[in-house]
Amino acid sequence: MVFVSSSTISKADLSKVSPQLDSIYQALINPTGPLGDNGPLGALGALGTLGPIGYNTWNPSQYISGFNWEDYSQFLTVNGGPLSADGPLGA
């Protein structure tokens, strides 16, 4: 089974790739790019294992989960929030 991961790509020596990668592709795999360590798909990114979303002790989302978001969402909707008919996500 052959696969390519972001860590495999980030360890590659891009100077030896022929033809040369366009700068737009290099931006995707740098440390802050989408596939880099700090990017949204990287380990420390928003969707990564060590990121802010999840049920582990280091995830901030665990500490704010006690708040009743449903009531707050309804309050925002009644007052013209993003899910109301006047908001960007509304009708």
PDB file of N, CA and C in Angstrom:
ATOM      1  N   MET A   1       0.847  -1.175   0.000  1.00  0.00           N
ATOM      2  CA  MET A   1       0.000   0.000   0.000  1.00  0.00           C
ATOM      3  C   MET A   1       0.894   1.241   0.000  1.00  0.00           C
ATOM      4  N   VAL A   2       0.650   2.125  -0.921  1.00  0.00           N
ATOM      5  CA  VAL A   2       1.445   3.338  -1.041  1.00  0.00           C
ATOM      6  C   VAL A   2       0.556   4.530  -0.737  1.00  0.00           C
ATOM      7  N   PHE A   3       1.071   5.461   0.064  1.00  0.00           N
ATOM      8  CA  PHE A   3       0.324   6.676   0.380  1.00  0.00           C
ATOM      9  C   PHE A   3       1.284   7.829   0.545  1.00  0.00           C
ATOM     10  N   VAL A   4       0.734   9.022   0.481  1.00  0.00           N
ATOM     11  CA  VAL A   4       1.518  10.238   0.675  1.00  0.00           C
ATOM     12  C   VAL A   4       0.852  11.032   1.780  1.00  0.00           C
ATOM     13  N   SER A   5       1.619  11.417   2.777  1.00  0.00           N
ATOM     14  CA  SER A   5       1.092  12.227   3.869  1.00  0.00           C
ATOM     15  C   SER A   5       1.734  13.606   3.828  1.00  0.00           C
ATOM     16  N   SER A   6       1.175  14.524   4.606  1.00  0.00           N
ATOM     17  CA  SER A   6       1.739  15.872   4.631  1.00  0.00           C
ATOM     18  C   SER A   6       3.159  15.860   5.193  1.00  0.00           C
ATOM     19  N   SER A   7       3.444  14.958   6.151  1.00  0.00           N
ATOM     20  CA  SER A   7       4.804  14.909   6.700  1.00  0.00           C
ATOM     21  C   SER A   7       5.790  14.391   5.647  1.00  0.00           C
ATOM     22  N   THR A   8       5.344  13.469   4.811  1.00  0.00           N
ATOM     23  CA  THR A   8       6.197  12.979   3.729  1.00  0.00           C
ATOM     24  C   THR A   8       6.501  14.103   2.757  1.00  0.00           C
ATOM     25  N   ILE A   9       5.489  14.876   2.423  1.00  0.00           N
ATOM     26  CA  ILE A   9       5.666  15.981   1.479  1.00  0.00           C
ATOM     27  C   ILE A   9       6.547  17.066   2.069  1.00  0.00           C
ATOM     28  N   SER A  10       6.336  17.402   3.345  1.00  0.00           N
ATOM     29  CA  SER A  10       7.102  18.492   3.951  1.00  0.00           C
ATOM     30  C   SER A  10       8.582  18.134   4.115  1.00  0.00           C
ATOM     31  N   LYS A  11       8.911  16.843   4.159  1.00  0.00           N
ATOM     32  CA  LYS A  11      10.305  16.421   4.292  1.00  0.00           C
ATOM     33  C   LYS A  11      11.009  16.311   2.939  1.00  0.00           C
ATOM     34  N   ALA A  12      10.251  16.429   1.858  1.00  0.00           N
ATOM     35  CA  ALA A  12      10.836  16.289   0.525  1.00  0.00           C
ATOM     36  C   ALA A  12      11.748  17.467   0.207  1.00  0.00           C
ATOM     37  N   ASP A  13      12.813  17.175  -0.496  1.00  0.00           N
ATOM     38  CA  ASP A  13      13.731  18.215  -0.957  1.00  0.00           C
ATOM     39  C   ASP A  13      13.203  18.747  -2.292  1.00  0.00           C
ATOM     40  N   LEU A  14      12.506  19.871  -2.241  1.00  0.00           N
ATOM     41  CA  LEU A  14      11.845  20.411  -3.423  1.00  0.00           C
ATOM     42  C   LEU A  14      12.820  20.928  -4.472  1.00  0.00           C
ATOM     43  N   SER A  15      14.067  21.145  -4.083  1.00  0.00           N
ATOM     44  CA  SER A  15      15.045  21.633  -5.056  1.00  0.00           C
ATOM     45  C   SER A  15      15.408  20.552  -6.077  1.00  0.00           C
ATOM     46  N   LYS A  16      15.138  19.283  -5.749  1.00  0.00           N
ATOM     47  CA  LYS A  16      15.465  18.180  -6.655  1.00  0.00           C
ATOM     48  C   LYS A  16      14.286  17.754  -7.517  1.00  0.00           C
ATOM     49  N   VAL A  17      13.123  18.375  -7.322  1.00  0.00           N
ATOM     50  CA  VAL A  17      11.941  18.024  -8.105  1.00  0.00           C
ATOM     51  C   VAL A  17      12.061  18.634  -9.496  1.00  0.00           C
ATOM     52  N   SER A  18      11.777  17.828 -10.490  1.00  0.00           N
ATOM     53  CA  SER A  18      11.845  18.315 -11.865  1.00  0.00           C
ATOM     54  C   SER A  18      10.569  17.920 -12.581  1.00  0.00           C
ATOM     55  N   PRO A  19       9.882  18.826 -13.215  1.00  0.00           N
ATOM     56  CA  PRO A  19      10.103  20.259 -13.273  1.00  0.00           C
ATOM     57  C   PRO A  19       9.837  20.919 -11.923  1.00  0.00           C
ATOM     58  N   GLN A  20      10.373  22.109 -11.761  1.00  0.00           N
ATOM     59  CA  GLN A  20      10.232  22.833 -10.496  1.00  0.00           C
ATOM     60  C   GLN A  20       8.763  23.099 -10.174  1.00  0.00           C
ATOM     61  N   LEU A  21       8.420  22.993  -8.886  1.00  0.00           N
ATOM     62  CA  LEU A  21       7.063  23.302  -8.454  1.00  0.00           C
ATOM     63  C   LEU A  21       6.804  24.799  -8.540  1.00  0.00           C
ATOM     64  N   ASP A  22       5.606  25.159  -8.963  1.00  0.00           N
ATOM     65  CA  ASP A  22       5.223  26.567  -8.939  1.00  0.00           C
ATOM     66  C   ASP A  22       5.173  27.035  -7.497  1.00  0.00           C
ATOM     67  N   SER A  23       5.344  28.320  -7.287  1.00  0.00           N
ATOM     68  CA  SER A  23       5.335  28.861  -5.924  1.00  0.00           C
ATOM     69  C   SER A  23       4.000  28.632  -5.237  1.00  0.00           C
ATOM     70  N   ILE A  24       2.921  28.530  -5.983  1.00  0.00           N
ATOM     71  CA  ILE A  24       1.612  28.307  -5.367  1.00  0.00           C
ATOM     72  C   ILE A  24       1.566  26.933  -4.685  1.00  0.00           C
ATOM     73  N   TYR A  25       2.209  25.935  -5.266  1.00  0.00           N
ATOM     74  CA  TYR A  25       2.235  24.610  -4.657  1.00  0.00           C
ATOM     75  C   TYR A  25       3.182  24.566  -3.474  1.00  0.00           C
ATOM     76  N   GLN A  26       4.275  25.290  -3.553  1.00  0.00           N
ATOM     77  CA  GLN A  26       5.202  25.343  -2.429  1.00  0.00           C
ATOM     78  C   GLN A  26       4.534  25.994  -1.221  1.00  0.00           C
ATOM     79  N   ALA A  27       3.660  26.965  -1.461  1.00  0.00           N
ATOM     80  CA  ALA A  27       2.953  27.625  -0.368  1.00  0.00           C
ATOM     81  C   ALA A  27       2.016  26.655   0.349  1.00  0.00           C
ATOM     82  N   LEU A  28       1.506  25.668  -0.355  1.00  0.00           N
ATOM     83  CA  LEU A  28       0.600  24.701   0.266  1.00  0.00           C
ATOM     84  C   LEU A  28       1.293  23.805   1.278  1.00  0.00           C
ATOM     85  N   ILE A  29       2.566  23.527   1.051  1.00  0.00           N
ATOM     86  CA  ILE A  29       3.250  22.568   1.917  1.00  0.00           C
ATOM     87  C   ILE A  29       4.246  23.199   2.886  1.00  0.00           C
ATOM     88  N   ASN A  30       4.345  24.541   2.907  1.00  0.00           N
ATOM     89  CA  ASN A  30       5.236  25.147   3.901  1.00  0.00           C
ATOM     90  C   ASN A  30       4.607  24.988   5.290  1.00  0.00           C
ATOM     91  N   PRO A  31       5.338  25.217   6.379  1.00  0.00           N
ATOM     92  CA  PRO A  31       4.814  24.954   7.724  1.00  0.00           C
ATOM     93  C   PRO A  31       3.489  25.632   8.057  1.00  0.00           C
ATOM     94  N   THR A  32       3.215  26.794   7.479  1.00  0.00           N
ATOM     95  CA  THR A  32       1.949  27.469   7.782  1.00  0.00           C
ATOM     96  C   THR A  32       0.918  27.274   6.680  1.00  0.00           C
ATOM     97  N   GLY A  33       1.259  26.551   5.634  1.00  0.00           N
ATOM     98  CA  GLY A  33       0.314  26.273   4.556  1.00  0.00           C
ATOM     99  C   GLY A  33      -0.710  25.225   4.980  1.00  0.00           C
ATOM    100  N   PRO A  34      -1.718  24.979   4.164  1.00  0.00           N
ATOM    101  CA  PRO A  34      -2.781  24.045   4.519  1.00  0.00           C
ATOM    102  C   PRO A  34      -2.302  22.645   4.877  1.00  0.00           C
ATOM    103  N   LEU A  35      -1.224  22.190   4.265  1.00  0.00           N
ATOM    104  CA  LEU A  35      -0.719  20.858   4.555  1.00  0.00           C
ATOM    105  C   LEU A  35       0.454  20.861   5.522  1.00  0.00           C
ATOM    106  N   GLY A  36       0.885  22.040   5.963  1.00  0.00           N
ATOM    107  CA  GLY A  36       2.002  22.136   6.905  1.00  0.00           C
ATOM    108  C   GLY A  36       1.548  21.859   8.332  1.00  0.00           C
ATOM    109  N   ASP A  37       2.500  21.795   9.266  1.00  0.00           N
ATOM    110  CA  ASP A  37       2.198  21.481  10.668  1.00  0.00           C
ATOM    111  C   ASP A  37       1.185  22.425  11.291  1.00  0.00           C
ATOM    112  N   ASN A  38       1.280  23.710  10.969  1.00  0.00           N
ATOM    113  CA  ASN A  38       0.381  24.694  11.578  1.00  0.00           C
ATOM    114  C   ASN A  38      -0.826  25.022  10.710  1.00  0.00           C
ATOM    115  N   GLY A  39      -0.913  24.439   9.551  1.00  0.00           N
ATOM    116  CA  GLY A  39      -2.056  24.669   8.669  1.00  0.00           C
ATOM    117  C   GLY A  39      -3.293  23.947   9.180  1.00  0.00           C
ATOM    118  N   PRO A  40      -4.461  24.229   8.629  1.00  0.00           N
ATOM    119  CA  PRO A  40      -5.699  23.636   9.128  1.00  0.00           C
ATOM    120  C   PRO A  40      -5.720  22.118   9.097  1.00  0.00           C
ATOM    121  N   LEU A  41      -4.993  21.504   8.183  1.00  0.00           N
ATOM    122  CA  LEU A  41      -4.972  20.052   8.102  1.00  0.00           C
ATOM    123  C   LEU A  41      -3.776  19.430   8.810  1.00  0.00           C
ATOM    124  N   GLY A  42      -2.860  20.266   9.281  1.00  0.00           N
ATOM    125  CA  GLY A  42      -1.691  19.773   9.991  1.00  0.00           C
ATOM    126  C   GLY A  42      -2.022  19.401  11.429  1.00  0.00           C
ATOM    127  N   ALA A  43      -1.075  18.788  12.121  1.00  0.00           N
ATOM    128  CA  ALA A  43      -1.295  18.305  13.485  1.00  0.00           C
ATOM    129  C   ALA A  43      -1.710  19.413  14.441  1.00  0.00           C
ATOM    130  N   LEU A  44      -1.136  20.603  14.295  1.00  0.00           N
ATOM    131  CA  LEU A  44      -1.447  21.707  15.204  1.00  0.00           C
ATOM    132  C   LEU A  44      -2.539  22.623  14.663  1.00  0.00           C
ATOM    133  N   GLY A  45      -3.026  22.350  13.485  1.00  0.00           N
ATOM    134  CA  GLY A  45      -4.053  23.185  12.870  1.00  0.00           C
ATOM    135  C   GLY A  45      -5.434  22.965  13.465  1.00  0.00           C
ATOM    136  N   ALA A  46      -6.389  23.742  12.997  1.00  0.00           N
ATOM    137  CA  ALA A  46      -7.748  23.706  13.532  1.00  0.00           C
ATOM    138  C   ALA A  46      -8.383  22.326  13.463  1.00  0.00           C
ATOM    139  N   LEU A  47      -8.080  21.569  12.439  1.00  0.00           N
ATOM    140  CA  LEU A  47      -8.678  20.248  12.277  1.00  0.00           C
ATOM    141  C   LEU A  47      -7.733  19.112  12.658  1.00  0.00           C
ATOM    142  N   GLY A  48      -6.559  19.450  13.138  1.00  0.00           N
ATOM    143  CA  GLY A  48      -5.559  18.441  13.463  1.00  0.00           C
ATOM    144  C   GLY A  48      -5.754  17.808  14.824  1.00  0.00           C
ATOM    145  N   THR A  49      -5.016  16.739  15.063  1.00  0.00           N
ATOM    146  CA  THR A  49      -5.088  15.985  16.315  1.00  0.00           C
ATOM    147  C   THR A  49      -4.755  16.841  17.523  1.00  0.00           C
ATOM    148  N   LEU A  50      -3.785  17.728  17.396  1.00  0.00           N
ATOM    149  CA  LEU A  50      -3.374  18.570  18.514  1.00  0.00           C
ATOM    150  C   LEU A  50      -3.997  19.962  18.463  1.00  0.00           C
ATOM    151  N   GLY A  51      -4.943  20.157  17.584  1.00  0.00           N
ATOM    152  CA  GLY A  51      -5.587  21.455  17.411  1.00  0.00           C
ATOM    153  C   GLY A  51      -6.656  21.738  18.461  1.00  0.00           C
ATOM    154  N   PRO A  52      -7.376  22.846  18.304  1.00  0.00           N
ATOM    155  CA  PRO A  52      -8.319  23.304  19.318  1.00  0.00           C
ATOM    156  C   PRO A  52      -9.634  22.533  19.379  1.00  0.00           C
ATOM    157  N   ILE A  53      -9.974  21.774  18.344  1.00  0.00           N
ATOM    158  CA  ILE A  53     -11.263  21.087  18.322  1.00  0.00           C
ATOM    159  C   ILE A  53     -11.083  19.628  18.697  1.00  0.00           C
ATOM    160  N   GLY A  54     -11.847  19.172  19.680  1.00  0.00           N
ATOM    161  CA  GLY A  54     -11.771  17.768  20.079  1.00  0.00           C
ATOM    162  C   GLY A  54     -12.156  17.569  21.528  1.00  0.00           C
ATOM    163  N   TYR A  55     -11.984  16.360  22.005  1.00  0.00           N
ATOM    164  CA  TYR A  55     -12.394  15.997  23.364  1.00  0.00           C
ATOM    165  C   TYR A  55     -11.217  15.694  24.280  1.00  0.00           C
ATOM    166  N   ASN A  56     -10.018  16.048  23.886  1.00  0.00           N
ATOM    167  CA  ASN A  56      -8.837  15.807  24.716  1.00  0.00           C
ATOM    168  C   ASN A  56      -8.625  16.958  25.690  1.00  0.00           C
ATOM    169  N   THR A  57      -7.816  16.746  26.711  1.00  0.00           N
ATOM    170  CA  THR A  57      -7.614  17.768  27.734  1.00  0.00           C
ATOM    171  C   THR A  57      -6.975  19.040  27.195  1.00  0.00           C
ATOM    172  N   TRP A  58      -6.231  18.955  26.105  1.00  0.00           N
ATOM    173  CA  TRP A  58      -5.569  20.147  25.558  1.00  0.00           C
ATOM    174  C   TRP A  58      -6.459  20.927  24.590  1.00  0.00           C
ATOM    175  N   ASN A  59      -7.632  20.421  24.261  1.00  0.00           N
ATOM    176  CA  ASN A  59      -8.528  21.107  23.335  1.00  0.00           C
ATOM    177  C   ASN A  59      -9.400  22.122  24.068  1.00  0.00           C
ATOM    178  N   PRO A  60      -9.303  23.410  23.734  1.00  0.00           N
ATOM    179  CA  PRO A  60     -10.140  24.425  24.380  1.00  0.00           C
ATOM    180  C   PRO A  60     -11.630  24.172  24.213  1.00  0.00           C
ATOM    181  N   SER A  61     -12.018  23.488  23.144  1.00  0.00           N
ATOM    182  CA  SER A  61     -13.443  23.237  22.927  1.00  0.00           C
ATOM    183  C   SER A  61     -14.053  22.436  24.073  1.00  0.00           C
ATOM    184  N   GLN A  62     -13.234  21.663  24.759  1.00  0.00           N
ATOM    185  CA  GLN A  62     -13.739  20.883  25.898  1.00  0.00           C
ATOM    186  C   GLN A  62     -14.171  21.800  27.035  1.00  0.00           C
ATOM    187  N   TYR A  63     -13.482  22.917  27.207  1.00  0.00           N
ATOM    188  CA  TYR A  63     -13.768  23.804  28.336  1.00  0.00           C
ATOM    189  C   TYR A  63     -14.942  24.742  28.075  1.00  0.00           C
ATOM    190  N   ILE A  64     -15.286  24.970  26.814  1.00  0.00           N
ATOM    191  CA  ILE A  64     -16.415  25.852  26.529  1.00  0.00           C
ATOM    192  C   ILE A  64     -17.667  25.072  26.151  1.00  0.00           C
ATOM    193  N   SER A  65     -17.609  23.747  26.266  1.00  0.00           N
ATOM    194  CA  SER A  65     -18.753  22.932  25.872  1.00  0.00           C
ATOM    195  C   SER A  65     -19.907  23.026  26.864  1.00  0.00           C
ATOM    196  N   GLY A  66     -19.682  23.552  28.065  1.00  0.00           N
ATOM    197  CA  GLY A  66     -20.737  23.671  29.058  1.00  0.00           C
ATOM    198  C   GLY A  66     -21.698  24.819  28.769  1.00  0.00           C
ATOM    199  N   PHE A  67     -21.392  25.667  27.831  1.00  0.00           N
ATOM    200  CA  PHE A  67     -22.235  26.809  27.483  1.00  0.00           C
ATOM    201  C   PHE A  67     -23.383  26.341  26.598  1.00  0.00           C
ATOM    202  N   ASN A  68     -24.589  26.869  26.818  1.00  0.00           N
ATOM    203  CA  ASN A  68     -25.747  26.473  26.029  1.00  0.00           C
ATOM    204  C   ASN A  68     -25.766  27.269  24.718  1.00  0.00           C
ATOM    205  N   TRP A  69     -25.113  26.732  23.700  1.00  0.00           N
ATOM    206  CA  TRP A  69     -24.987  27.414  22.423  1.00  0.00           C
ATOM    207  C   TRP A  69     -26.315  27.485  21.670  1.00  0.00           C
ATOM    208  N   GLU A  70     -27.224  26.540  21.935  1.00  0.00           N
ATOM    209  CA  GLU A  70     -28.510  26.540  21.225  1.00  0.00           C
ATOM    210  C   GLU A  70     -29.331  27.780  21.568  1.00  0.00           C
ATOM    211  N   ASP A  71     -29.398  28.127  22.850  1.00  0.00           N
ATOM    212  CA  ASP A  71     -30.130  29.331  23.254  1.00  0.00           C
ATOM    213  C   ASP A  71     -29.499  30.593  22.652  1.00  0.00           C
ATOM    214  N   TYR A  72     -28.182  30.636  22.657  1.00  0.00           N
ATOM    215  CA  TYR A  72     -27.476  31.797  22.101  1.00  0.00           C
ATOM    216  C   TYR A  72     -27.726  31.909  20.590  1.00  0.00           C
ATOM    217  N   SER A  73     -27.713  30.767  19.891  1.00  0.00           N
ATOM    218  CA  SER A  73     -27.983  30.750  18.465  1.00  0.00           C
ATOM    219  C   SER A  73     -29.391  31.260  18.167  1.00  0.00           C
ATOM    220  N   GLN A  74     -30.351  30.830  18.960  1.00  0.00           N
ATOM    221  CA  GLN A  74     -31.729  31.292  18.771  1.00  0.00           C
ATOM    222  C   GLN A  74     -31.840  32.791  19.045  1.00  0.00           C
ATOM    223  N   PHE A  75     -31.133  33.268  20.063  1.00  0.00           N
ATOM    224  CA  PHE A  75     -31.125  34.697  20.376  1.00  0.00           C
ATOM    225  C   PHE A  75     -30.581  35.508  19.190  1.00  0.00           C
ATOM    226  N   LEU A  76     -29.477  35.048  18.622  1.00  0.00           N
ATOM    227  CA  LEU A  76     -28.891  35.739  17.474  1.00  0.00           C
ATOM    228  C   LEU A  76     -29.830  35.721  16.268  1.00  0.00           C
ATOM    229  N   THR A  77     -30.481  34.596  16.041  1.00  0.00           N
ATOM    230  CA  THR A  77     -31.389  34.480  14.903  1.00  0.00           C
ATOM    231  C   THR A  77     -32.567  35.438  15.033  1.00  0.00           C
ATOM    232  N   VAL A  78     -33.141  35.518  16.224  1.00  0.00           N
ATOM    233  CA  VAL A  78     -34.271  36.414  16.463  1.00  0.00           C
ATOM    234  C   VAL A  78     -33.860  37.868  16.260  1.00  0.00           C
ATOM    235  N   ASN A  79     -32.611  38.186  16.558  1.00  0.00           N
ATOM    236  CA  ASN A  79     -32.124  39.561  16.470  1.00  0.00           C
ATOM    237  C   ASN A  79     -31.346  39.848  15.182  1.00  0.00           C
ATOM    238  N   GLY A  80     -31.639  39.114  14.105  1.00  0.00           N
ATOM    239  CA  GLY A  80     -31.012  39.394  12.813  1.00  0.00           C
ATOM    240  C   GLY A  80     -29.640  38.800  12.626  1.00  0.00           C
ATOM    241  N   GLY A  81     -29.333  37.721  13.328  1.00  0.00           N
ATOM    242  CA  GLY A  81     -28.023  37.080  13.226  1.00  0.00           C
ATOM    243  C   GLY A  81     -27.815  36.353  11.904  1.00  0.00           C
ATOM    244  N   PRO A  82     -26.699  35.630  11.770  1.00  0.00           N
ATOM    245  CA  PRO A  82     -26.329  35.014  10.497  1.00  0.00           C
ATOM    246  C   PRO A  82     -27.326  33.977   9.977  1.00  0.00           C
ATOM    247  N   LEU A  83     -28.089  33.343  10.857  1.00  0.00           N
ATOM    248  CA  LEU A  83     -29.061  32.357  10.404  1.00  0.00           C
ATOM    249  C   LEU A  83     -30.451  32.925  10.195  1.00  0.00           C
ATOM    250  N   SER A  84     -30.649  34.200  10.469  1.00  0.00           N
ATOM    251  CA  SER A  84     -31.947  34.812  10.251  1.00  0.00           C
ATOM    252  C   SER A  84     -32.151  35.057   8.759  1.00  0.00           C
ATOM    253  N   ALA A  85     -33.379  35.430   8.390  1.00  0.00           N
ATOM    254  CA  ALA A  85     -33.650  35.699   6.984  1.00  0.00           C
ATOM    255  C   ALA A  85     -32.805  36.854   6.447  1.00  0.00           C
ATOM    256  N   ASP A  86     -32.378  37.763   7.326  1.00  0.00           N
ATOM    257  CA  ASP A  86     -31.568  38.908   6.906  1.00  0.00           C
ATOM    258  C   ASP A  86     -30.082  38.620   6.898  1.00  0.00           C
ATOM    259  N   GLY A  87     -29.662  37.518   7.494  1.00  0.00           N
ATOM    260  CA  GLY A  87     -28.242  37.205   7.600  1.00  0.00           C
ATOM    261  C   GLY A  87     -27.679  36.552   6.342  1.00  0.00           C
ATOM    262  N   PRO A  88     -26.359  36.429   6.250  1.00  0.00           N
ATOM    263  CA  PRO A  88     -25.715  35.860   5.072  1.00  0.00           C
ATOM    264  C   PRO A  88     -26.002  34.373   4.883  1.00  0.00           C
ATOM    265  N   LEU A  89     -26.384  33.678   5.945  1.00  0.00           N
ATOM    266  CA  LEU A  89     -26.692  32.250   5.832  1.00  0.00           C
ATOM    267  C   LEU A  89     -28.187  31.995   5.814  1.00  0.00           C
ATOM    268  N   GLY A  90     -28.981  33.054   5.827  1.00  0.00           N
ATOM    269  CA  GLY A  90     -30.436  32.921   5.844  1.00  0.00           C
ATOM    270  C   GLY A  90     -31.000  32.657   4.466  1.00  0.00           C
ATOM    271  N   ALA A  91     -32.292  32.873   4.362  1.00  0.00           N
ATOM    272  CA  ALA A  91     -33.001  32.592   3.105  1.00  0.00           C
ATOM    273  C   ALA A  91     -32.376  33.357   1.956  1.00  0.00           C
TER     274      ALA A  91
END
